[in-house]
Every structure is written in C-alpha cells, then in structure tokens.
Protein backbone atom coordinates (compact mmCIF):
# COMPACT_ATOMS: atom_id res chain seq x y z
CA ALA A 1 -15.53 11.27 10.61
CA ILE A 2 -13.97 8.95 8.10
CA GLY A 3 -14.18 11.49 5.34
CA THR A 4 -12.78 14.30 7.30
CA THR A 5 -9.96 12.05 8.54
CA SER A 6 -9.05 11.03 5.03
CA ALA A 7 -9.13 14.60 3.80
CA VAL A 8 -6.71 15.61 6.40
CA VAL A 9 -4.38 12.65 5.68
CA ALA A 10 -4.55 13.56 1.98
CA ILE A 11 -3.58 17.08 2.51
CA PHE A 12 -0.82 16.23 4.93
CA VAL A 13 0.63 13.67 2.53
CA THR A 14 0.46 16.03 -0.42
CA PHE A 15 2.47 18.54 1.67
CA VAL A 16 5.05 15.98 2.45
CA MET A 17 5.33 14.81 -1.14
CA ALA A 18 5.55 18.14 -2.51
CA SER A 19 8.34 19.08 0.05
CA ILE A 20 10.55 16.27 -1.05
CA LEU A 21 10.08 16.81 -4.79
CA LEU A 22 10.62 20.52 -4.51
CA SER A 23 13.99 19.99 -2.77
CA LYS A 24 16.78 18.94 -5.06
CA LYS A 25 18.71 17.55 -2.25
CA CYS A 26 15.82 15.54 -0.96
CA ARG A 27 14.81 14.20 -4.29
CA SER A 28 18.50 13.23 -5.13
CA GLN A 29 18.34 10.63 -2.39
CA SER A 30 16.76 7.34 -3.55
CA PHE A 31 14.97 6.34 -0.40
CA ASN A 32 13.31 9.80 -0.34
CA LEU A 33 11.95 8.74 -3.74
CA TYR A 34 10.79 5.48 -2.33
CA LEU A 35 8.80 7.46 0.37
CA VAL A 36 7.09 9.40 -2.36
CA ALA A 37 6.28 6.33 -4.42
CA LEU A 38 4.87 4.80 -1.02
CA MET A 39 2.71 7.93 -0.50
CA ILE A 40 1.07 7.89 -3.97
CA PRO A 41 -1.33 4.91 -3.38
CA ASP A 42 -2.02 6.16 0.24
CA ASN A 43 -2.80 9.52 -1.06
CA THR A 44 -4.88 8.18 -3.72
CA PHE A 45 -6.82 6.09 -1.19
CA SER A 46 -7.41 9.07 1.23
CA PHE A 47 -8.28 11.55 -1.29
CA PHE A 48 -10.90 9.62 -3.28
CA CYS A 49 -12.17 8.14 0.11
CA SER A 50 -12.92 11.69 1.57
CA ILE A 51 -14.66 12.54 -1.84
CA ALA A 52 -16.81 9.42 -1.68
CA CYS A 53 -17.69 9.75 1.96
CA PHE A 54 -18.60 13.51 1.49
CA LEU A 55 -20.84 12.70 -1.50
CA SER A 56 -22.50 9.78 0.16
CA VAL A 57 -23.31 11.81 3.50
CA ALA A 58 -24.64 14.74 1.24
CA ALA A 59 -26.99 12.38 -0.72
CA GLY A 60 -27.92 10.18 2.20
CA HIS A 61 -27.14 6.92 0.36
CA TRP A 62 -24.54 5.52 -2.16
CA VAL A 63 -24.21 8.14 -4.95
CA SER A 64 -24.26 5.54 -7.66
CA PRO A 65 -23.35 2.09 -8.63
CA SER A 66 -20.33 3.62 -10.61
CA MET A 67 -19.01 5.28 -7.62
CA CYS A 68 -19.19 2.08 -5.52
CA ARG A 69 -17.15 0.28 -8.33
CA PHE A 70 -14.65 3.20 -8.27
CA GLN A 71 -14.47 2.98 -4.47
CA SER A 72 -13.66 -0.71 -4.80
CA TRP A 73 -10.97 0.17 -7.40
CA PHE A 74 -9.08 2.90 -5.47
CA ALA A 75 -9.39 0.74 -2.15
CA THR A 76 -7.70 -2.18 -3.78
CA PHE A 77 -5.15 0.00 -5.61
CA GLY A 78 -4.24 1.75 -2.05
CA VAL A 79 -3.82 -1.52 -0.31
CA ALA A 80 -1.73 -3.27 -3.16
CA GLY A 81 0.23 -0.14 -3.78
CA ASN A 82 1.23 0.32 -0.37
CA SER A 83 2.06 -3.32 0.27
CA TRP A 84 4.19 -3.78 -2.75
CA MET A 85 6.05 -0.62 -2.40
CA THR A 86 6.82 -1.37 1.18
CA VAL A 87 8.34 -4.76 -0.24
CA ALA A 88 10.61 -2.59 -2.50
CA ILE A 89 11.74 -0.46 0.37
CA VAL A 90 12.38 -3.30 2.79
CA LYS A 91 14.21 -5.35 -0.06
CA GLU A 92 16.60 -2.29 -0.47
CA LEU A 93 17.11 -1.89 3.36
CA HIS A 94 17.81 -5.62 3.76
CA LYS A 95 20.36 -5.31 0.90
CA MET A 96 21.98 -2.41 2.64
CA LEU A 97 22.21 -4.07 5.97
CA ARG A 98 23.56 -7.38 4.58
CA SER A 99 26.12 -5.29 2.74
CA ALA A 100 27.26 -3.58 5.84
CA ARG A 101 27.52 -6.90 7.79
CA ARG A 102 29.75 -8.30 5.05
CA CYS A 103 31.87 -5.13 4.66
CA ILE A 104 30.62 -4.71 1.19
CA ARG A 105 30.22 -1.27 -0.44
CA TYR A 106 26.57 -0.51 -0.74
CA THR A 107 25.30 1.31 -3.84
CA ALA A 108 21.82 2.84 -3.56
CA PRO A 109 19.53 2.59 -6.54
CA THR A 110 19.47 5.48 -8.89
CA SER A 111 16.45 7.70 -9.19
CA MET A 112 15.54 6.21 -12.56
CA SER A 113 15.61 2.60 -10.97
CA VAL A 114 13.17 3.78 -8.18
CA ALA A 115 10.97 5.42 -10.81
CA LYS A 116 10.87 2.00 -12.71
CA GLN A 117 10.09 0.03 -9.64
CA ALA A 118 7.39 2.50 -8.70
CA ALA A 119 5.94 2.52 -12.09
CA VAL A 120 5.66 -1.46 -12.12
CA VAL A 121 4.09 -1.51 -8.63
CA LEU A 122 1.53 1.24 -9.59
CA LEU A 123 0.53 -0.43 -12.72
CA TYR A 124 0.17 -3.80 -11.06
CA SER A 125 -1.88 -2.27 -8.36
CA ALA A 126 -4.17 -0.62 -10.74
CA PHE A 127 -4.58 -3.97 -12.52
CA CYS A 128 -5.61 -5.47 -9.08
CA GLY A 129 -7.89 -2.95 -8.65
CA CYS A 130 -9.66 -3.60 -11.83
CA ILE A 131 -10.15 -7.40 -11.26
CA ALA A 132 -13.45 -6.93 -9.39
CA ILE A 133 -14.97 -4.16 -11.49
CA VAL A 134 -14.88 -5.98 -14.90
CA PRO A 135 -18.09 -6.96 -16.48
CA THR A 136 -19.83 -9.83 -14.54
CA LYS A 137 -20.15 -11.76 -18.09
CA TRP A 138 -16.35 -12.39 -17.69
CA ASN A 139 -17.18 -14.59 -14.74
CA ILE A 140 -14.22 -13.14 -12.58
CA PRO A 141 -14.53 -15.04 -9.12
CA VAL A 142 -14.64 -11.80 -7.07
CA ARG A 143 -17.21 -8.89 -7.40
CA THR A 144 -17.64 -5.46 -5.88
CA GLU A 145 -20.12 -5.32 -3.05
CA ALA A 146 -20.86 -3.03 -0.03
CA GLN A 147 -19.25 -4.43 3.15
CA GLN A 148 -21.29 -3.99 6.12
CA GLY A 149 -22.81 -0.97 4.34
CA TYR A 150 -20.13 1.53 4.47
CA ALA A 151 -17.29 0.44 2.02
CA CYS A 152 -17.62 -1.00 -1.50
CA VAL A 153 -14.63 -3.45 -1.81
CA PRO A 154 -14.03 -6.78 -3.73
CA LEU A 155 -15.71 -9.71 -1.98
CA GLU A 156 -16.14 -13.34 -2.66
CA TYR A 157 -19.83 -14.68 -3.27
CA ASN A 158 -19.65 -18.36 -3.36
CA VAL A 159 -17.37 -21.38 -2.40
CA GLY A 160 -15.46 -21.30 -5.65
CA SER A 161 -15.02 -17.63 -5.24
CA SER A 162 -13.94 -17.82 -1.67
CA VAL A 163 -11.07 -20.15 -2.63
CA PHE A 164 -9.94 -17.60 -5.18
CA TYR A 165 -10.35 -14.69 -2.97
CA PHE A 166 -8.30 -16.19 -0.09
CA LEU A 167 -5.75 -18.05 -2.08
CA VAL A 168 -4.98 -15.80 -4.94
CA PHE A 169 -6.72 -12.26 -4.64
CA LEU A 170 -5.75 -11.43 -1.07
CA PRO A 171 -2.19 -12.71 -1.38
CA MET A 172 -1.81 -10.67 -4.71
CA ILE A 173 -2.66 -7.48 -2.79
CA ASN A 174 -1.34 -7.80 0.72
CA LEU A 175 -0.72 -11.32 2.18
CA LEU A 176 2.44 -12.04 0.03
CA PRO A 177 4.03 -8.66 0.67
CA LEU A 178 3.12 -9.06 4.46
CA MET A 179 4.97 -12.59 4.55
CA TYR A 180 7.87 -11.20 2.85
CA VAL A 181 8.18 -8.18 5.08
CA THR A 182 7.82 -10.38 8.21
CA TYR A 183 10.58 -12.61 6.97
CA VAL A 184 12.98 -9.68 6.32
CA LEU A 185 12.18 -8.24 9.73
CA TYR A 186 12.75 -11.65 11.37
CA ASP A 187 16.17 -11.95 9.43
CA ILE A 188 17.19 -8.51 10.60
CA TRP A 189 16.50 -9.51 14.18
CA LYS A 190 17.88 -13.04 13.98
CA LYS A 191 21.24 -12.06 12.31
CA SER A 192 21.56 -8.82 14.29
CA LEU A 193 21.95 -6.87 11.09
CA LEU A 194 20.69 -3.53 12.85
CA PRO A 195 23.76 -1.25 13.25
CA LYS A 196 24.67 -0.63 16.85
CA ARG A 197 25.23 3.01 16.47
CA GLY A 198 25.61 5.86 14.08
CA GLN A 199 23.69 7.55 11.17
CA ARG A 200 22.94 4.31 9.54
CA LYS A 201 21.15 2.98 12.69
CA VAL A 202 19.02 6.44 12.97
CA PHE A 203 18.13 5.85 9.20
CA THR A 204 17.37 2.26 9.39
CA LEU A 205 15.09 2.84 12.41
CA TYR A 206 13.40 5.70 10.71
CA MET A 207 12.62 3.54 7.69
CA LEU A 208 11.48 0.60 9.68
CA ARG A 209 8.94 2.69 11.59
CA ILE A 210 7.44 3.64 8.02
CA VAL A 211 7.41 0.03 7.17
CA LEU A 212 5.54 -0.87 10.54
CA VAL A 213 2.62 1.25 9.10
CA MET A 214 1.87 -1.82 6.94
CA TYR A 215 1.17 -3.59 10.21
CA ALA A 216 -0.63 -0.74 11.98
CA TRP A 217 -2.85 0.50 9.29
CA TRP A 218 -3.20 -1.75 6.34
CA LEU A 219 -3.35 -5.25 8.10
CA PRO A 220 -6.24 -4.15 10.27
CA SER A 221 -7.89 -2.68 7.25
CA ILE A 222 -7.54 -6.03 5.44
CA LEU A 223 -9.01 -7.92 8.53
CA PHE A 224 -11.78 -5.26 9.06
CA ILE A 225 -12.94 -4.53 5.50
CA PHE A 226 -11.82 -7.24 3.18
CA MET A 227 -12.17 -10.24 5.53
CA ALA A 228 -14.99 -9.27 7.91
CA PRO A 229 -18.10 -11.45 8.09
CA ARG A 230 -20.97 -9.80 6.19
C-alpha cells in the first residue's frame, strides 16, 4: 500500500512540476518556481520509496544493506528538503505581507534568486542525508537502522547519540524549520497581516495551505518514523 501510494504521488507531482516548467507564464512567476523546488524533495522521496517498497515486497525481505542505507538517505533528504524549502516560501510570504502592511512596494525574487536558494537547500539536504550513512569508523553519533521493521532511517543508539540526535540532527532536518514556520504563522495572525480581500488574500491563503502540508504530513512522519520507540 505504501509503495503504491508513493508511486501515485510521484506521478502526480511529476505532472504538476512539468506543467509549471513547460508554461512560460507559470515559470516566470517566482512563487511557482518555489513550488517546483518544494516538489523536488517530495518527489524524490515518493519515487524512491515506491521502488524500495516494491523491491522489498518482491524479495520478501530487505533487498540489501545498501538499499537500506539509500532509503535512509532519501528519507532524510525528503524531510530536510521539504522543511527548509517551506522556510524559504514562508519567509518570502512574510516579507510580502509586511511590505503590504507598511505600504512598501514589494519586489518578488528573480528566477535566478529562487534557483540559488533551491540549490543551497537541496545540497544541504543531501548533506544531512549523508550523515547517517558514512562509514562507522568515523564515529558519527547517528546510524541507519530499520525502524519497526518497515523503514530504514537515521536513529540514535546510546545516550550520547540520543543527545546529538534530538538536539542537533532532528533540528537540522525539521525542528528548526518547524519552529520558524510556526513563529511566522503566529506573527501573521497576531498582527493581522492577512489581507482582508482581493487577489493577494486568495494567493496568500493558497500558499499557506501548501505550507500546512509540513504540519499535516512531515511532522507526523517525524514523530512516527524518526522518533517512535523501537
């Protein structure tokens, strides 16, 4: 079921990405490019998750230790990439809404600026994914293990490792972005920055619904997979 769902999600996301990139009008708008960048880690996770699930089901067991380590990498890449790209989107939305409140002209980022931000986020996310799959002789305080028998993810393995895992690793991939997004949403509500009417309100609500995916999907994933008792 997980493999099938992931495959359907990957196909749908690929279709949406292609639709945006093939339309000159759509790709000329920076927030559409932010959406494409946000979809890259999601699609990577879904695509490789479906392959890993299908191979494991066909074999009746984990295909190989290498596949387990790769699953750990793309799971971490997906979580970190989505979380930090959400930060980039929320930061720009916050800037737009504050500019409107102060009657300051807002200038959207250029396509090149969005591309640079996306590149930094994706490279950083790839690095985070590598932390738990480096050789054990390097004594990295997290390592890849099968969580509850269904997913290979980075996990802690002793007291010192637990300190690093919960105070450094998880904040690196999800908790710090989650705190920032929560702060911005609170600030928008507290200062009534959401426009009362018009196209800007429709656009802002649309983008905020996408941001809420972070709470609806990735936060439960972190709690259920990365932080669940073994």
